[in-house]
């Protein structure tokens, strides 16, 4: 768990399920609802559901995953895949998405050993997501793939060894 500029990133536990069930995301075109994201492929052992908290409120959610297989973009053992990043619609447009991505390198440094890269896939028509990730230091790898009838861009962010 880390705190960063008024938010807390914390790995979800079974005790958090009732809290997570109250999450509101009417348009989940680009990310699954947290409960679905957590239970999809529940057998995966290297999947880490992360809560974005502001005071006592659950404002957002994402999953970090090790050993994610993307055929056109081989990931190393020192990479994490970021997926299902979303902000509860009651808390959107308040900067929590940007803060959570800015806090991510600090969380990773605190929680994982030997991780030097975060990789994500963003839908080609998710312009606000693309801008968020580019503004927070992700780079477009120029790799593309198709998933669920939608093309996705693969972005990557190298993590610094010192403060990030």
N, C-alpha and C. Protein backbone atom coordinates (compact mmCIF):
# COMPACT_ATOMS: atom_id res chain seq x y z
N UNK A 1 0.85 -1.18 0.00
CA UNK A 1 0.00 0.00 0.00
C UNK A 1 0.89 1.24 0.00
N UNK A 2 0.54 2.20 -0.83
CA UNK A 2 1.26 3.48 -0.83
C UNK A 2 0.25 4.62 -0.87
N UNK A 3 0.69 5.74 -0.34
CA UNK A 3 -0.10 6.97 -0.43
C UNK A 3 0.63 7.95 -1.33
N UNK A 4 -0.15 8.67 -2.13
CA UNK A 4 0.43 9.61 -3.10
C UNK A 4 -0.57 10.73 -3.36
N UNK A 5 -0.22 11.93 -2.95
CA UNK A 5 -1.01 13.13 -3.26
C UNK A 5 -2.51 12.96 -3.01
N UNK A 6 -2.87 12.39 -1.87
CA UNK A 6 -4.28 12.27 -1.51
C UNK A 6 -4.97 10.98 -1.91
N UNK A 7 -4.26 10.11 -2.64
CA UNK A 7 -4.85 8.81 -2.97
C UNK A 7 -4.00 7.71 -2.34
N UNK A 8 -4.61 6.55 -2.20
CA UNK A 8 -3.92 5.36 -1.72
C UNK A 8 -4.11 4.25 -2.74
N UNK A 9 -3.03 3.55 -3.07
CA UNK A 9 -3.12 2.35 -3.90
C UNK A 9 -2.93 1.17 -2.97
N UNK A 10 -3.88 0.23 -3.03
CA UNK A 10 -3.90 -0.90 -2.10
C UNK A 10 -4.36 -2.13 -2.86
N UNK A 11 -3.67 -3.25 -2.64
CA UNK A 11 -4.10 -4.51 -3.26
C UNK A 11 -5.41 -4.96 -2.63
N UNK A 12 -6.36 -5.34 -3.48
CA UNK A 12 -7.67 -5.78 -3.01
C UNK A 12 -7.56 -7.15 -2.35
N UNK A 13 -8.41 -7.36 -1.34
CA UNK A 13 -8.50 -8.64 -0.66
C UNK A 13 -9.96 -9.09 -0.68
N UNK A 14 -10.21 -10.30 -0.22
CA UNK A 14 -11.58 -10.80 -0.17
C UNK A 14 -12.47 -9.93 0.70
N UNK A 15 -11.89 -9.32 1.73
CA UNK A 15 -12.67 -8.45 2.61
C UNK A 15 -13.17 -7.20 1.89
N UNK A 16 -12.55 -6.86 0.77
CA UNK A 16 -12.93 -5.67 0.01
C UNK A 16 -14.09 -5.91 -0.95
N UNK A 17 -14.53 -7.15 -1.12
CA UNK A 17 -15.56 -7.47 -2.11
C UNK A 17 -16.83 -6.64 -1.94
N UNK A 18 -17.40 -6.50 -0.73
CA UNK A 18 -18.62 -5.68 -0.61
C UNK A 18 -18.38 -4.22 -1.04
N UNK A 19 -17.21 -3.71 -0.73
CA UNK A 19 -16.80 -2.37 -1.11
C UNK A 19 -16.74 -2.25 -2.65
N UNK A 20 -16.15 -3.25 -3.28
CA UNK A 20 -15.95 -3.25 -4.73
C UNK A 20 -17.30 -3.41 -5.46
N UNK A 21 -18.23 -4.14 -4.86
CA UNK A 21 -19.53 -4.34 -5.50
C UNK A 21 -20.33 -3.05 -5.64
N UNK A 22 -19.97 -2.02 -4.88
CA UNK A 22 -20.68 -0.74 -4.98
C UNK A 22 -20.12 0.17 -6.08
N UNK A 23 -19.11 -0.30 -6.78
CA UNK A 23 -18.44 0.47 -7.84
C UNK A 23 -19.43 0.78 -8.96
N UNK A 24 -19.40 2.01 -9.46
CA UNK A 24 -20.31 2.42 -10.52
C UNK A 24 -19.52 2.75 -11.78
N UNK A 25 -19.82 2.02 -12.85
CA UNK A 25 -19.19 2.25 -14.14
C UNK A 25 -20.19 1.84 -15.21
N UNK A 26 -21.07 2.77 -15.57
CA UNK A 26 -22.12 2.45 -16.54
C UNK A 26 -21.55 2.09 -17.91
N UNK A 27 -20.60 2.88 -18.38
CA UNK A 27 -20.00 2.63 -19.70
C UNK A 27 -18.67 1.92 -19.48
N UNK A 28 -18.72 0.60 -19.48
CA UNK A 28 -17.47 -0.14 -19.31
C UNK A 28 -17.04 -0.75 -20.64
N UNK A 29 -16.98 0.13 -21.63
CA UNK A 29 -16.55 -0.25 -22.97
C UNK A 29 -15.06 -0.58 -23.00
N UNK A 30 -14.26 0.12 -22.22
CA UNK A 30 -12.81 -0.03 -22.29
C UNK A 30 -12.22 -0.83 -21.13
N UNK A 31 -12.95 -1.04 -20.07
CA UNK A 31 -12.46 -1.80 -18.92
C UNK A 31 -13.62 -2.56 -18.30
N UNK A 32 -13.31 -3.76 -17.82
CA UNK A 32 -14.33 -4.54 -17.13
C UNK A 32 -14.62 -3.94 -15.77
N UNK A 33 -15.80 -4.23 -15.25
CA UNK A 33 -16.12 -3.87 -13.87
C UNK A 33 -15.12 -4.59 -12.97
N UNK A 34 -14.74 -3.98 -11.84
CA UNK A 34 -13.74 -4.61 -10.98
C UNK A 34 -14.05 -6.06 -10.58
N UNK A 35 -15.29 -6.34 -10.21
CA UNK A 35 -15.62 -7.72 -9.82
C UNK A 35 -15.39 -8.68 -10.98
N UNK A 36 -15.81 -8.31 -12.17
CA UNK A 36 -15.61 -9.18 -13.33
C UNK A 36 -14.12 -9.32 -13.65
N UNK A 37 -13.38 -8.21 -13.58
CA UNK A 37 -11.95 -8.26 -13.86
C UNK A 37 -11.22 -9.16 -12.86
N UNK A 38 -11.66 -9.12 -11.61
CA UNK A 38 -11.02 -9.94 -10.59
C UNK A 38 -11.34 -11.42 -10.75
N UNK A 39 -12.56 -11.73 -11.20
CA UNK A 39 -12.97 -13.13 -11.28
C UNK A 39 -12.69 -13.77 -12.63
N UNK A 40 -12.49 -12.96 -13.67
CA UNK A 40 -12.12 -13.51 -14.96
C UNK A 40 -10.74 -14.14 -14.83
N UNK A 41 -10.60 -15.34 -15.29
CA UNK A 41 -9.33 -16.07 -15.19
C UNK A 41 -8.83 -16.09 -13.75
N UNK A 42 -9.69 -16.45 -12.84
CA UNK A 42 -9.36 -16.45 -11.42
C UNK A 42 -8.19 -17.39 -11.09
N UNK A 43 -7.93 -18.34 -11.97
CA UNK A 43 -6.84 -19.29 -11.75
C UNK A 43 -5.46 -18.65 -11.95
N UNK A 44 -5.41 -17.47 -12.52
CA UNK A 44 -4.12 -16.82 -12.74
C UNK A 44 -3.55 -16.38 -11.38
N UNK A 45 -2.33 -16.80 -11.12
CA UNK A 45 -1.74 -16.53 -9.81
C UNK A 45 -0.95 -15.24 -9.77
N UNK A 46 -0.61 -14.68 -10.89
CA UNK A 46 0.21 -13.48 -10.89
C UNK A 46 -0.59 -12.28 -11.37
N UNK A 47 -1.79 -12.17 -10.86
CA UNK A 47 -2.71 -11.08 -11.18
C UNK A 47 -3.01 -10.35 -9.88
N UNK A 48 -2.81 -9.04 -9.87
CA UNK A 48 -2.91 -8.25 -8.64
C UNK A 48 -3.95 -7.14 -8.81
N UNK A 49 -5.15 -7.30 -8.22
CA UNK A 49 -6.18 -6.25 -8.31
C UNK A 49 -5.83 -5.11 -7.34
N UNK A 50 -5.84 -3.89 -7.84
CA UNK A 50 -5.42 -2.73 -7.05
C UNK A 50 -6.59 -1.75 -6.93
N UNK A 51 -6.86 -1.32 -5.70
CA UNK A 51 -7.88 -0.32 -5.42
C UNK A 51 -7.24 1.06 -5.38
N UNK A 52 -7.95 2.04 -5.93
CA UNK A 52 -7.54 3.44 -5.85
C UNK A 52 -8.50 4.09 -4.86
N UNK A 53 -7.98 4.51 -3.73
CA UNK A 53 -8.80 5.07 -2.66
C UNK A 53 -8.52 6.54 -2.47
N UNK A 54 -9.57 7.29 -2.15
CA UNK A 54 -9.45 8.69 -1.73
C UNK A 54 -10.21 8.79 -0.42
N UNK A 55 -9.46 9.02 0.65
CA UNK A 55 -10.02 8.96 1.99
C UNK A 55 -10.64 7.57 2.15
N UNK A 56 -11.91 7.47 2.42
CA UNK A 56 -12.54 6.16 2.62
C UNK A 56 -13.30 5.68 1.37
N UNK A 57 -13.19 6.41 0.26
CA UNK A 57 -13.95 6.08 -0.94
C UNK A 57 -13.12 5.32 -1.95
N UNK A 58 -13.73 4.30 -2.55
CA UNK A 58 -13.12 3.59 -3.68
C UNK A 58 -13.40 4.43 -4.92
N UNK A 59 -12.35 5.03 -5.48
CA UNK A 59 -12.54 5.91 -6.64
C UNK A 59 -12.10 5.27 -7.94
N UNK A 60 -11.30 4.20 -7.86
CA UNK A 60 -10.83 3.58 -9.09
C UNK A 60 -10.25 2.20 -8.83
N UNK A 61 -9.84 1.58 -9.93
CA UNK A 61 -9.42 0.19 -9.89
C UNK A 61 -8.54 -0.11 -11.09
N UNK A 62 -7.62 -1.03 -10.92
CA UNK A 62 -6.87 -1.59 -12.05
C UNK A 62 -6.27 -2.92 -11.64
N UNK A 63 -5.75 -3.64 -12.61
CA UNK A 63 -5.07 -4.91 -12.36
C UNK A 63 -3.66 -4.81 -12.91
N UNK A 64 -2.71 -5.30 -12.12
CA UNK A 64 -1.35 -5.51 -12.59
C UNK A 64 -1.17 -7.01 -12.77
N UNK A 65 -0.53 -7.39 -13.87
CA UNK A 65 -0.39 -8.82 -14.16
C UNK A 65 1.02 -9.11 -14.65
N UNK A 66 1.60 -10.16 -14.10
CA UNK A 66 2.90 -10.64 -14.57
C UNK A 66 2.67 -11.72 -15.61
N UNK A 67 3.62 -11.85 -16.51
CA UNK A 67 3.62 -12.92 -17.52
C UNK A 67 2.41 -12.90 -18.43
N UNK A 68 1.91 -11.72 -18.76
CA UNK A 68 0.82 -11.60 -19.72
C UNK A 68 1.37 -11.90 -21.11
N UNK A 69 0.66 -12.70 -21.86
CA UNK A 69 1.11 -13.08 -23.20
C UNK A 69 0.42 -12.21 -24.25
N UNK A 70 1.21 -11.42 -24.94
CA UNK A 70 0.73 -10.68 -26.11
C UNK A 70 1.67 -11.10 -27.24
N UNK A 71 1.13 -11.81 -28.21
CA UNK A 71 1.99 -12.40 -29.24
C UNK A 71 2.91 -11.41 -29.93
N UNK A 72 2.40 -10.23 -30.26
CA UNK A 72 3.22 -9.30 -31.04
C UNK A 72 4.14 -8.46 -30.17
N UNK A 73 4.04 -8.60 -28.85
CA UNK A 73 4.87 -7.79 -27.96
C UNK A 73 5.32 -8.66 -26.79
N UNK A 74 6.40 -9.40 -26.99
CA UNK A 74 6.89 -10.26 -25.91
C UNK A 74 7.28 -9.41 -24.70
N UNK A 75 6.78 -9.80 -23.55
CA UNK A 75 7.09 -9.09 -22.31
C UNK A 75 8.14 -9.87 -21.53
N UNK A 76 9.03 -9.14 -20.90
CA UNK A 76 10.09 -9.78 -20.13
C UNK A 76 9.60 -10.09 -18.71
N UNK A 77 10.43 -10.79 -17.98
CA UNK A 77 10.12 -11.11 -16.58
C UNK A 77 10.15 -9.86 -15.70
N UNK A 78 10.67 -8.78 -16.23
CA UNK A 78 10.75 -7.54 -15.45
C UNK A 78 9.67 -6.54 -15.86
N UNK A 79 8.63 -7.04 -16.53
CA UNK A 79 7.52 -6.20 -16.97
C UNK A 79 6.23 -6.59 -16.25
N UNK A 80 5.37 -5.60 -16.07
CA UNK A 80 4.01 -5.82 -15.57
C UNK A 80 3.03 -5.30 -16.61
N UNK A 81 1.91 -5.98 -16.77
CA UNK A 81 0.86 -5.54 -17.68
C UNK A 81 -0.22 -4.85 -16.86
N UNK A 82 -0.58 -3.64 -17.24
CA UNK A 82 -1.64 -2.86 -16.58
C UNK A 82 -2.91 -3.04 -17.40
N UNK A 83 -3.99 -3.45 -16.73
CA UNK A 83 -5.25 -3.63 -17.46
C UNK A 83 -6.44 -3.24 -16.60
N UNK A 84 -7.55 -3.03 -17.26
CA UNK A 84 -8.83 -2.71 -16.61
C UNK A 84 -8.75 -1.49 -15.69
N UNK A 85 -7.96 -0.51 -16.10
CA UNK A 85 -7.85 0.74 -15.33
C UNK A 85 -9.14 1.54 -15.57
N UNK A 86 -9.81 1.89 -14.47
CA UNK A 86 -11.03 2.68 -14.58
C UNK A 86 -11.21 3.52 -13.33
N UNK A 87 -12.04 4.55 -13.48
CA UNK A 87 -12.41 5.41 -12.36
C UNK A 87 -13.93 5.32 -12.22
N UNK A 88 -14.38 5.08 -10.99
CA UNK A 88 -15.81 5.05 -10.69
C UNK A 88 -16.43 6.33 -11.24
N UNK A 89 -17.54 6.20 -11.96
CA UNK A 89 -18.09 7.38 -12.65
C UNK A 89 -18.47 8.52 -11.70
N UNK A 90 -18.71 8.22 -10.44
CA UNK A 90 -19.02 9.28 -9.47
C UNK A 90 -17.80 10.14 -9.14
N UNK A 91 -16.60 9.65 -9.53
CA UNK A 91 -15.37 10.36 -9.19
C UNK A 91 -14.57 10.76 -10.44
N UNK A 92 -15.17 10.61 -11.61
CA UNK A 92 -14.46 10.98 -12.84
C UNK A 92 -14.32 12.49 -12.95
N UNK A 93 -13.37 12.91 -13.76
CA UNK A 93 -13.09 14.34 -14.01
C UNK A 93 -12.57 15.06 -12.76
N UNK A 94 -11.96 14.32 -11.84
CA UNK A 94 -11.40 14.92 -10.63
C UNK A 94 -9.90 14.67 -10.53
N UNK A 95 -9.30 14.10 -11.56
CA UNK A 95 -7.86 13.88 -11.59
C UNK A 95 -7.39 12.57 -10.99
N UNK A 96 -8.31 11.69 -10.57
CA UNK A 96 -7.90 10.44 -9.94
C UNK A 96 -7.24 9.48 -10.92
N UNK A 97 -7.65 9.50 -12.17
CA UNK A 97 -7.01 8.65 -13.17
C UNK A 97 -5.54 9.01 -13.33
N UNK A 98 -5.27 10.29 -13.49
CA UNK A 98 -3.89 10.76 -13.65
C UNK A 98 -3.07 10.49 -12.40
N UNK A 99 -3.63 10.79 -11.24
CA UNK A 99 -2.90 10.54 -9.99
C UNK A 99 -2.56 9.06 -9.82
N UNK A 100 -3.50 8.19 -10.17
CA UNK A 100 -3.24 6.75 -10.00
C UNK A 100 -2.12 6.28 -10.91
N UNK A 101 -2.04 6.81 -12.12
CA UNK A 101 -0.97 6.42 -13.03
C UNK A 101 0.36 7.03 -12.59
N UNK A 102 0.32 8.26 -12.07
CA UNK A 102 1.55 8.87 -11.53
C UNK A 102 2.06 8.09 -10.32
N UNK A 103 1.15 7.55 -9.50
CA UNK A 103 1.53 6.81 -8.29
C UNK A 103 2.02 5.40 -8.61
N UNK A 104 1.69 4.90 -9.78
CA UNK A 104 1.99 3.52 -10.15
C UNK A 104 3.47 3.14 -9.98
N UNK A 105 4.42 3.93 -10.47
CA UNK A 105 5.83 3.54 -10.29
C UNK A 105 6.23 3.39 -8.82
N UNK A 106 5.69 4.22 -7.95
CA UNK A 106 6.00 4.14 -6.53
C UNK A 106 5.40 2.87 -5.91
N UNK A 107 4.18 2.54 -6.33
CA UNK A 107 3.55 1.31 -5.85
C UNK A 107 4.36 0.09 -6.30
N UNK A 108 4.74 0.08 -7.56
CA UNK A 108 5.49 -1.05 -8.11
C UNK A 108 6.83 -1.20 -7.38
N UNK A 109 7.51 -0.09 -7.17
CA UNK A 109 8.81 -0.14 -6.48
C UNK A 109 8.64 -0.69 -5.07
N UNK A 110 7.55 -0.32 -4.40
CA UNK A 110 7.29 -0.76 -3.03
C UNK A 110 6.86 -2.23 -2.96
N UNK A 111 6.15 -2.70 -3.97
CA UNK A 111 5.50 -4.02 -3.91
C UNK A 111 6.23 -5.13 -4.66
N UNK A 112 6.96 -4.78 -5.73
CA UNK A 112 7.56 -5.80 -6.60
C UNK A 112 9.07 -5.60 -6.69
N UNK A 113 9.78 -6.70 -6.81
CA UNK A 113 11.23 -6.66 -7.04
C UNK A 113 11.50 -6.76 -8.53
N UNK A 114 12.51 -6.06 -8.97
CA UNK A 114 13.03 -6.21 -10.35
C UNK A 114 12.04 -5.91 -11.46
N UNK A 115 11.11 -5.00 -11.25
CA UNK A 115 10.21 -4.59 -12.33
C UNK A 115 10.72 -3.26 -12.88
N UNK A 116 10.93 -3.22 -14.19
CA UNK A 116 11.46 -1.99 -14.79
C UNK A 116 10.60 -1.46 -15.94
N UNK A 117 9.42 -2.07 -16.14
CA UNK A 117 8.57 -1.64 -17.25
C UNK A 117 7.11 -1.97 -16.95
N UNK A 118 6.23 -1.06 -17.37
CA UNK A 118 4.78 -1.30 -17.34
C UNK A 118 4.30 -1.23 -18.77
N UNK A 119 3.48 -2.20 -19.16
CA UNK A 119 2.94 -2.28 -20.52
C UNK A 119 1.42 -2.29 -20.40
N UNK A 120 0.75 -1.65 -21.34
CA UNK A 120 -0.71 -1.67 -21.37
C UNK A 120 -1.19 -1.66 -22.81
N UNK A 121 -2.45 -2.03 -22.99
CA UNK A 121 -3.09 -1.96 -24.30
C UNK A 121 -4.27 -1.01 -24.17
N UNK A 122 -4.35 -0.05 -25.10
CA UNK A 122 -5.42 0.94 -25.06
C UNK A 122 -6.16 0.90 -26.40
N UNK A 123 -7.48 0.94 -26.35
CA UNK A 123 -8.28 0.88 -27.57
C UNK A 123 -8.00 2.08 -28.46
N UNK A 124 -8.02 1.83 -29.77
CA UNK A 124 -7.72 2.88 -30.74
C UNK A 124 -8.70 4.04 -30.67
N UNK A 125 -9.94 3.77 -30.24
CA UNK A 125 -10.93 4.85 -30.17
C UNK A 125 -11.07 5.44 -28.76
N UNK A 126 -10.23 5.02 -27.83
CA UNK A 126 -10.24 5.56 -26.47
C UNK A 126 -9.24 6.71 -26.38
N UNK A 127 -9.64 7.84 -26.96
CA UNK A 127 -8.72 8.98 -27.04
C UNK A 127 -8.37 9.55 -25.67
N UNK A 128 -9.33 9.59 -24.75
CA UNK A 128 -9.02 10.14 -23.43
C UNK A 128 -8.02 9.22 -22.70
N UNK A 129 -8.16 7.92 -22.86
CA UNK A 129 -7.21 6.99 -22.27
C UNK A 129 -5.82 7.15 -22.89
N UNK A 130 -5.77 7.28 -24.20
CA UNK A 130 -4.48 7.47 -24.87
C UNK A 130 -3.78 8.73 -24.36
N UNK A 131 -4.53 9.82 -24.24
CA UNK A 131 -3.94 11.08 -23.77
C UNK A 131 -3.47 10.96 -22.32
N UNK A 132 -4.27 10.31 -21.48
CA UNK A 132 -3.87 10.10 -20.08
C UNK A 132 -2.54 9.36 -20.01
N UNK A 133 -2.43 8.26 -20.72
CA UNK A 133 -1.22 7.44 -20.63
C UNK A 133 -0.02 8.17 -21.23
N UNK A 134 -0.20 8.85 -22.34
CA UNK A 134 0.92 9.59 -22.94
C UNK A 134 1.38 10.74 -22.03
N UNK A 135 0.44 11.44 -21.41
CA UNK A 135 0.78 12.54 -20.50
C UNK A 135 1.51 12.07 -19.25
N UNK A 136 1.32 10.81 -18.90
CA UNK A 136 1.94 10.30 -17.67
C UNK A 136 3.17 9.44 -17.97
N UNK A 137 3.74 9.60 -19.16
CA UNK A 137 5.04 9.00 -19.44
C UNK A 137 5.06 7.72 -20.24
N UNK A 138 3.90 7.20 -20.64
CA UNK A 138 3.89 6.02 -21.49
C UNK A 138 4.26 6.42 -22.91
N UNK A 139 4.86 5.50 -23.63
CA UNK A 139 5.25 5.70 -25.03
C UNK A 139 4.50 4.69 -25.90
N UNK A 140 4.11 5.15 -27.08
CA UNK A 140 3.47 4.26 -28.05
C UNK A 140 4.56 3.38 -28.66
N UNK A 141 4.42 2.06 -28.53
CA UNK A 141 5.43 1.14 -29.07
C UNK A 141 5.27 0.94 -30.58
N UNK A 142 4.17 1.47 -31.14
CA UNK A 142 3.81 1.31 -32.56
C UNK A 142 3.36 -0.12 -32.88
N UNK A 143 3.17 -0.94 -31.85
CA UNK A 143 2.64 -2.29 -32.04
C UNK A 143 1.13 -2.24 -31.86
N UNK A 144 0.41 -3.03 -32.63
CA UNK A 144 -1.05 -3.07 -32.60
C UNK A 144 -1.51 -4.53 -32.59
N UNK A 145 -2.66 -4.77 -31.98
CA UNK A 145 -3.27 -6.08 -32.09
C UNK A 145 -4.77 -5.94 -31.95
N UNK A 146 -5.47 -7.00 -32.35
CA UNK A 146 -6.93 -6.99 -32.31
C UNK A 146 -7.41 -7.93 -31.22
N UNK A 147 -8.34 -7.42 -30.39
CA UNK A 147 -8.92 -8.20 -29.32
C UNK A 147 -10.38 -7.80 -29.19
N UNK A 148 -11.27 -8.79 -29.13
CA UNK A 148 -12.70 -8.50 -28.99
C UNK A 148 -13.19 -7.52 -30.05
N UNK A 149 -12.84 -7.72 -31.30
CA UNK A 149 -13.27 -6.88 -32.43
C UNK A 149 -12.83 -5.42 -32.32
N UNK A 150 -11.78 -5.17 -31.58
CA UNK A 150 -11.28 -3.80 -31.44
C UNK A 150 -9.76 -3.81 -31.55
N UNK A 151 -9.22 -2.83 -32.25
CA UNK A 151 -7.77 -2.71 -32.33
C UNK A 151 -7.25 -1.99 -31.10
N UNK A 152 -6.10 -2.44 -30.63
CA UNK A 152 -5.48 -1.86 -29.44
C UNK A 152 -4.05 -1.44 -29.76
N UNK A 153 -3.66 -0.33 -29.16
CA UNK A 153 -2.29 0.15 -29.24
C UNK A 153 -1.56 -0.35 -28.00
N UNK A 154 -0.33 -0.74 -28.14
CA UNK A 154 0.47 -1.16 -26.99
C UNK A 154 1.38 -0.01 -26.58
N UNK A 155 1.23 0.42 -25.34
CA UNK A 155 2.05 1.48 -24.76
C UNK A 155 2.96 0.86 -23.70
N UNK A 156 4.09 1.50 -23.49
CA UNK A 156 5.06 1.01 -22.52
C UNK A 156 5.66 2.19 -21.76
N UNK A 157 5.97 1.95 -20.50
CA UNK A 157 6.66 2.96 -19.69
C UNK A 157 7.80 2.29 -18.95
N UNK A 158 9.01 2.78 -19.20
CA UNK A 158 10.19 2.30 -18.47
C UNK A 158 10.20 2.98 -17.12
N UNK A 159 10.50 2.20 -16.10
CA UNK A 159 10.56 2.74 -14.74
C UNK A 159 12.01 3.02 -14.37
N UNK A 160 12.19 4.13 -13.71
CA UNK A 160 13.54 4.49 -13.26
C UNK A 160 13.88 3.71 -12.01
N UNK A 161 15.15 3.47 -11.80
CA UNK A 161 15.58 2.71 -10.63
C UNK A 161 15.59 3.51 -9.35
N UNK A 162 15.74 4.83 -9.44
CA UNK A 162 15.89 5.62 -8.22
C UNK A 162 14.54 6.03 -7.64
N UNK A 163 14.04 7.21 -8.00
CA UNK A 163 12.79 7.69 -7.39
C UNK A 163 11.57 7.06 -8.02
N UNK A 164 11.67 6.50 -9.19
CA UNK A 164 10.56 5.79 -9.80
C UNK A 164 10.96 4.35 -9.93
